[in-house]
Amino acid sequence: MKNRELIFKTIVVTITAIVTIFVVGFLMRMFIVRNAVKIEHNDEMLKSEFRED
């Protein structure tokens, strides 16, 4: 009985860890993409300001 509980807990912890890593990786990717878009947008604004001068 104890062996079975240990295996069950191990599986639950492993699945939880995989899901957590996936979610954190997805959020990091979204955050990086959002920052890259913001930086690109700021570069375009700076370029347009230099063109006006």
PDB file of N, CA and C in Angstrom:
ATOM      1  N   MET A   1       0.831  -1.207   0.000  1.00  0.00           N
ATOM      2  CA  MET A   1       0.000   0.000   0.000  1.00  0.00           C
ATOM      3  C   MET A   1       0.868   1.261   0.000  1.00  0.00           C
ATOM      4  N   LYS A   2       1.934   1.263   0.816  1.00  0.00           N
ATOM      5  CA  LYS A   2       2.790   2.449   0.884  1.00  0.00           C
ATOM      6  C   LYS A   2       3.512   2.676  -0.448  1.00  0.00           C
ATOM      7  N   ASN A   3       3.938   1.588  -1.089  1.00  0.00           N
ATOM      8  CA  ASN A   3       4.611   1.721  -2.380  1.00  0.00           C
ATOM      9  C   ASN A   3       3.691   2.365  -3.406  1.00  0.00           C
ATOM     10  N   ARG A   4       2.447   1.941  -3.401  1.00  0.00           N
ATOM     11  CA  ARG A   4       1.482   2.463  -4.360  1.00  0.00           C
ATOM     12  C   ARG A   4       1.248   3.956  -4.131  1.00  0.00           C
ATOM     13  N   GLU A   5       1.136   4.359  -2.874  1.00  0.00           N
ATOM     14  CA  GLU A   5       0.950   5.783  -2.547  1.00  0.00           C
ATOM     15  C   GLU A   5       2.165   6.594  -2.987  1.00  0.00           C
ATOM     16  N   LEU A   6       3.350   6.061  -2.766  1.00  0.00           N
ATOM     17  CA  LEU A   6       4.575   6.764  -3.146  1.00  0.00           C
ATOM     18  C   LEU A   6       4.633   6.956  -4.662  1.00  0.00           C
ATOM     19  N   ILE A   7       4.293   5.919  -5.410  1.00  0.00           N
ATOM     20  CA  ILE A   7       4.289   6.014  -6.868  1.00  0.00           C
ATOM     21  C   ILE A   7       3.257   7.043  -7.317  1.00  0.00           C
ATOM     22  N   PHE A   8       2.074   7.021  -6.719  1.00  0.00           N
ATOM     23  CA  PHE A   8       1.020   7.977  -7.078  1.00  0.00           C
ATOM     24  C   PHE A   8       1.468   9.409  -6.812  1.00  0.00           C
ATOM     25  N   LYS A   9       2.045   9.643  -5.614  1.00  0.00           N
ATOM     26  CA  LYS A   9       2.522  10.985  -5.276  1.00  0.00           C
ATOM     27  C   LYS A   9       3.632  11.425  -6.225  1.00  0.00           C
ATOM     28  N   THR A  10       4.511  10.520  -6.574  1.00  0.00           N
ATOM     29  CA  THR A  10       5.607  10.853  -7.502  1.00  0.00           C
ATOM     30  C   THR A  10       5.054  11.263  -8.862  1.00  0.00           C
ATOM     31  N   ILE A  11       4.064  10.532  -9.347  1.00  0.00           N
ATOM     32  CA  ILE A  11       3.453  10.861 -10.640  1.00  0.00           C
ATOM     33  C   ILE A  11       2.779  12.224 -10.575  1.00  0.00           C
ATOM     34  N   VAL A  12       2.051  12.485  -9.495  1.00  0.00           N
ATOM     35  CA  VAL A  12       1.363  13.779  -9.344  1.00  0.00           C
ATOM     36  C   VAL A  12       2.372  14.920  -9.317  1.00  0.00           C
ATOM     37  N   VAL A  13       3.439  14.768  -8.557  1.00  0.00           N
ATOM     38  CA  VAL A  13       4.466  15.818  -8.462  1.00  0.00           C
ATOM     39  C   VAL A  13       5.131  16.034  -9.817  1.00  0.00           C
ATOM     40  N   THR A  14       5.419  14.948 -10.534  1.00  0.00           N
ATOM     41  CA  THR A  14       6.056  15.059 -11.850  1.00  0.00           C
ATOM     42  C   THR A  14       5.154  15.794 -12.827  1.00  0.00           C
ATOM     43  N   ILE A  15       3.877  15.436 -12.866  1.00  0.00           N
ATOM     44  CA  ILE A  15       2.936  16.106 -13.775  1.00  0.00           C
ATOM     45  C   ILE A  15       2.810  17.584 -13.404  1.00  0.00           C
ATOM     46  N   THR A  16       2.715  17.868 -12.111  1.00  0.00           N
ATOM     47  CA  THR A  16       2.611  19.263 -11.655  1.00  0.00           C
ATOM     48  C   THR A  16       3.849  20.056 -12.066  1.00  0.00           C
ATOM     49  N   ALA A  17       5.024  19.468 -11.914  1.00  0.00           N
ATOM     50  CA  ALA A  17       6.268  20.157 -12.278  1.00  0.00           C
ATOM     51  C   ALA A  17       6.309  20.430 -13.777  1.00  0.00           C
ATOM     52  N   ILE A  18       5.915  19.453 -14.589  1.00  0.00           N
ATOM     53  CA  ILE A  18       5.926  19.641 -16.045  1.00  0.00           C
ATOM     54  C   ILE A  18       4.959  20.746 -16.448  1.00  0.00           C
ATOM     55  N   VAL A  19       3.762  20.731 -15.877  1.00  0.00           N
ATOM     56  CA  VAL A  19       2.770  21.765 -16.209  1.00  0.00           C
ATOM     57  C   VAL A  19       3.277  23.133 -15.775  1.00  0.00           C
ATOM     58  N   THR A  20       3.879  23.221 -14.585  1.00  0.00           N
ATOM     59  CA  THR A  20       4.400  24.501 -14.090  1.00  0.00           C
ATOM     60  C   THR A  20       5.501  25.025 -15.008  1.00  0.00           C
ATOM     61  N   ILE A  21       6.427  24.161 -15.403  1.00  0.00           N
ATOM     62  CA  ILE A  21       7.510  24.578 -16.306  1.00  0.00           C
ATOM     63  C   ILE A  21       6.942  25.052 -17.637  1.00  0.00           C
ATOM     64  N   PHE A  22       5.937  24.348 -18.149  1.00  0.00           N
ATOM     65  CA  PHE A  22       5.321  24.734 -19.422  1.00  0.00           C
ATOM     66  C   PHE A  22       4.658  26.102 -19.308  1.00  0.00           C
ATOM     67  N   VAL A  23       3.903  26.329 -18.221  1.00  0.00           N
ATOM     68  CA  VAL A  23       3.198  27.600 -18.039  1.00  0.00           C
ATOM     69  C   VAL A  23       4.203  28.738 -17.878  1.00  0.00           C
ATOM     70  N   VAL A  24       5.244  28.534 -17.064  1.00  0.00           N
ATOM     71  CA  VAL A  24       6.253  29.581 -16.855  1.00  0.00           C
ATOM     72  C   VAL A  24       6.974  29.879 -18.169  1.00  0.00           C
ATOM     73  N   GLY A  25       7.319  28.838 -18.922  1.00  0.00           N
ATOM     74  CA  GLY A  25       7.969  29.051 -20.219  1.00  0.00           C
ATOM     75  C   GLY A  25       7.074  29.812 -21.184  1.00  0.00           C
ATOM     76  N   PHE A  26       5.793  29.484 -21.199  1.00  0.00           N
ATOM     77  CA  PHE A  26       4.847  30.184 -22.077  1.00  0.00           C
ATOM     78  C   PHE A  26       4.737  31.655 -21.686  1.00  0.00           C
ATOM     79  N   LEU A  27       4.630  31.929 -20.385  1.00  0.00           N
ATOM     80  CA  LEU A  27       4.527  33.320 -19.922  1.00  0.00           C
ATOM     81  C   LEU A  27       5.804  34.090 -20.231  1.00  0.00           C
ATOM     82  N   MET A  28       6.966  33.456 -20.048  1.00  0.00           N
ATOM     83  CA  MET A  28       8.232  34.125 -20.365  1.00  0.00           C
ATOM     84  C   MET A  28       8.298  34.462 -21.848  1.00  0.00           C
ATOM     85  N   ARG A  29       7.870  33.496 -22.695  1.00  0.00           N
ATOM     86  CA  ARG A  29       7.888  33.723 -24.133  1.00  0.00           C
ATOM     87  C   ARG A  29       6.970  34.891 -24.498  1.00  0.00           C
ATOM     88  N   MET A  30       5.778  34.919 -23.927  1.00  0.00           N
ATOM     89  CA  MET A  30       4.839  36.013 -24.201  1.00  0.00           C
ATOM     90  C   MET A  30       5.439  37.347 -23.750  1.00  0.00           C
ATOM     91  N   PHE A  31       6.067  37.358 -22.561  1.00  0.00           N
ATOM     92  CA  PHE A  31       6.652  38.585 -22.027  1.00  0.00           C
ATOM     93  C   PHE A  31       7.776  39.073 -22.928  1.00  0.00           C
ATOM     94  N   ILE A  32       8.637  38.156 -23.399  1.00  0.00           N
ATOM     95  CA  ILE A  32       9.757  38.522 -24.265  1.00  0.00           C
ATOM     96  C   ILE A  32       9.226  39.054 -25.601  1.00  0.00           C
ATOM     97  N   VAL A  33       8.226  38.380 -26.164  1.00  0.00           N
ATOM     98  CA  VAL A  33       7.655  38.832 -27.443  1.00  0.00           C
ATOM     99  C   VAL A  33       7.041  40.207 -27.283  1.00  0.00           C
ATOM    100  N   ARG A  34       6.331  40.423 -26.174  1.00  0.00           N
ATOM    101  CA  ARG A  34       5.692  41.723 -25.954  1.00  0.00           C
ATOM    102  C   ARG A  34       6.752  42.820 -25.852  1.00  0.00           C
ATOM    103  N   ASN A  35       7.848  42.552 -25.128  1.00  0.00           N
ATOM    104  CA  ASN A  35       8.922  43.534 -25.006  1.00  0.00           C
ATOM    105  C   ASN A  35       9.581  43.786 -26.351  1.00  0.00           C
ATOM    106  N   ALA A  36       9.767  42.731 -27.146  1.00  0.00           N
ATOM    107  CA  ALA A  36      10.393  42.899 -28.459  1.00  0.00           C
ATOM    108  C   ALA A  36       9.515  43.779 -29.339  1.00  0.00           C
ATOM    109  N   VAL A  37       8.213  43.578 -29.279  1.00  0.00           N
ATOM    110  CA  VAL A  37       7.305  44.401 -30.079  1.00  0.00           C
ATOM    111  C   VAL A  37       7.370  45.847 -29.610  1.00  0.00           C
ATOM    112  N   LYS A  38       7.406  46.068 -28.297  1.00  0.00           N
ATOM    113  CA  LYS A  38       7.489  47.436 -27.772  1.00  0.00           C
ATOM    114  C   LYS A  38       8.774  48.110 -28.236  1.00  0.00           C
ATOM    115  N   ILE A  39       9.897  47.392 -28.166  1.00  0.00           N
ATOM    116  CA  ILE A  39      11.183  47.964 -28.570  1.00  0.00           C
ATOM    117  C   ILE A  39      11.142  48.311 -30.063  1.00  0.00           C
ATOM    118  N   GLU A  40      10.583  47.405 -30.872  1.00  0.00           N
ATOM    119  CA  GLU A  40      10.487  47.644 -32.306  1.00  0.00           C
ATOM    120  C   GLU A  40       9.630  48.875 -32.572  1.00  0.00           C
ATOM    121  N   HIS A  41       8.530  48.993 -31.851  1.00  0.00           N
ATOM    122  CA  HIS A  41       7.631  50.141 -32.018  1.00  0.00           C
ATOM    123  C   HIS A  41       8.362  51.434 -31.646  1.00  0.00           C
ATOM    124  N   ASN A  42       9.132  51.417 -30.556  1.00  0.00           N
ATOM    125  CA  ASN A  42       9.881  52.600 -30.151  1.00  0.00           C
ATOM    126  C   ASN A  42      10.932  52.950 -31.194  1.00  0.00           C
ATOM    127  N   ASP A  43      11.580  51.949 -31.785  1.00  0.00           N
ATOM    128  CA  ASP A  43      12.557  52.211 -32.834  1.00  0.00           C
ATOM    129  C   ASP A  43      11.901  52.914 -34.022  1.00  0.00           C
ATOM    130  N   GLU A  44      10.703  52.452 -34.386  1.00  0.00           N
ATOM    131  CA  GLU A  44       9.988  53.095 -35.504  1.00  0.00           C
ATOM    132  C   GLU A  44       9.672  54.547 -35.157  1.00  0.00           C
ATOM    133  N   MET A  45       9.259  54.796 -33.928  1.00  0.00           N
ATOM    134  CA  MET A  45       8.952  56.166 -33.516  1.00  0.00           C
ATOM    135  C   MET A  45      10.208  57.029 -33.580  1.00  0.00           C
ATOM    136  N   LEU A  46      11.334  56.479 -33.105  1.00  0.00           N
ATOM    137  CA  LEU A  46      12.582  57.241 -33.149  1.00  0.00           C
ATOM    138  C   LEU A  46      12.995  57.526 -34.592  1.00  0.00           C
ATOM    139  N   LYS A  47      12.856  56.527 -35.477  1.00  0.00           N
ATOM    140  CA  LYS A  47      13.211  56.730 -36.875  1.00  0.00           C
ATOM    141  C   LYS A  47      12.340  57.816 -37.504  1.00  0.00           C
ATOM    142  N   SER A  48      11.042  57.811 -37.197  1.00  0.00           N
ATOM    143  CA  SER A  48      10.162  58.819 -37.782  1.00  0.00           C
ATOM    144  C   SER A  48      10.508  60.204 -37.239  1.00  0.00           C
ATOM    145  N   GLU A  49      10.926  60.281 -35.971  1.00  0.00           N
ATOM    146  CA  GLU A  49      11.318  61.581 -35.423  1.00  0.00           C
ATOM    147  C   GLU A  49      12.568  62.100 -36.120  1.00  0.00           C
ATOM    148  N   PHE A  50      13.524  61.221 -36.413  1.00  0.00           N
ATOM    149  CA  PHE A  50      14.745  61.651 -37.079  1.00  0.00           C
ATOM    150  C   PHE A  50      14.443  62.054 -38.521  1.00  0.00           C
ATOM    151  N   ARG A  51      13.499  61.408 -39.166  1.00  0.00           N
ATOM    152  CA  ARG A  51      13.156  61.771 -40.547  1.00  0.00           C
ATOM    153  C   ARG A  51      12.568  63.175 -40.611  1.00  0.00           C
ATOM    154  N   GLU A  52      11.787  63.556 -39.570  1.00  0.00           N
ATOM    155  CA  GLU A  52      11.164  64.875 -39.585  1.00  0.00           C
ATOM    156  C   GLU A  52      12.206  65.984 -39.465  1.00  0.00           C
ATOM    157  N   ASP A  53      13.297  65.725 -38.746  1.00  0.00           N
ATOM    158  CA  ASP A  53      14.302  66.787 -38.522  1.00  0.00           C
ATOM    159  C   ASP A  53      15.102  67.121 -39.736  1.00  0.00           C
TER     160      ASP A  53
END
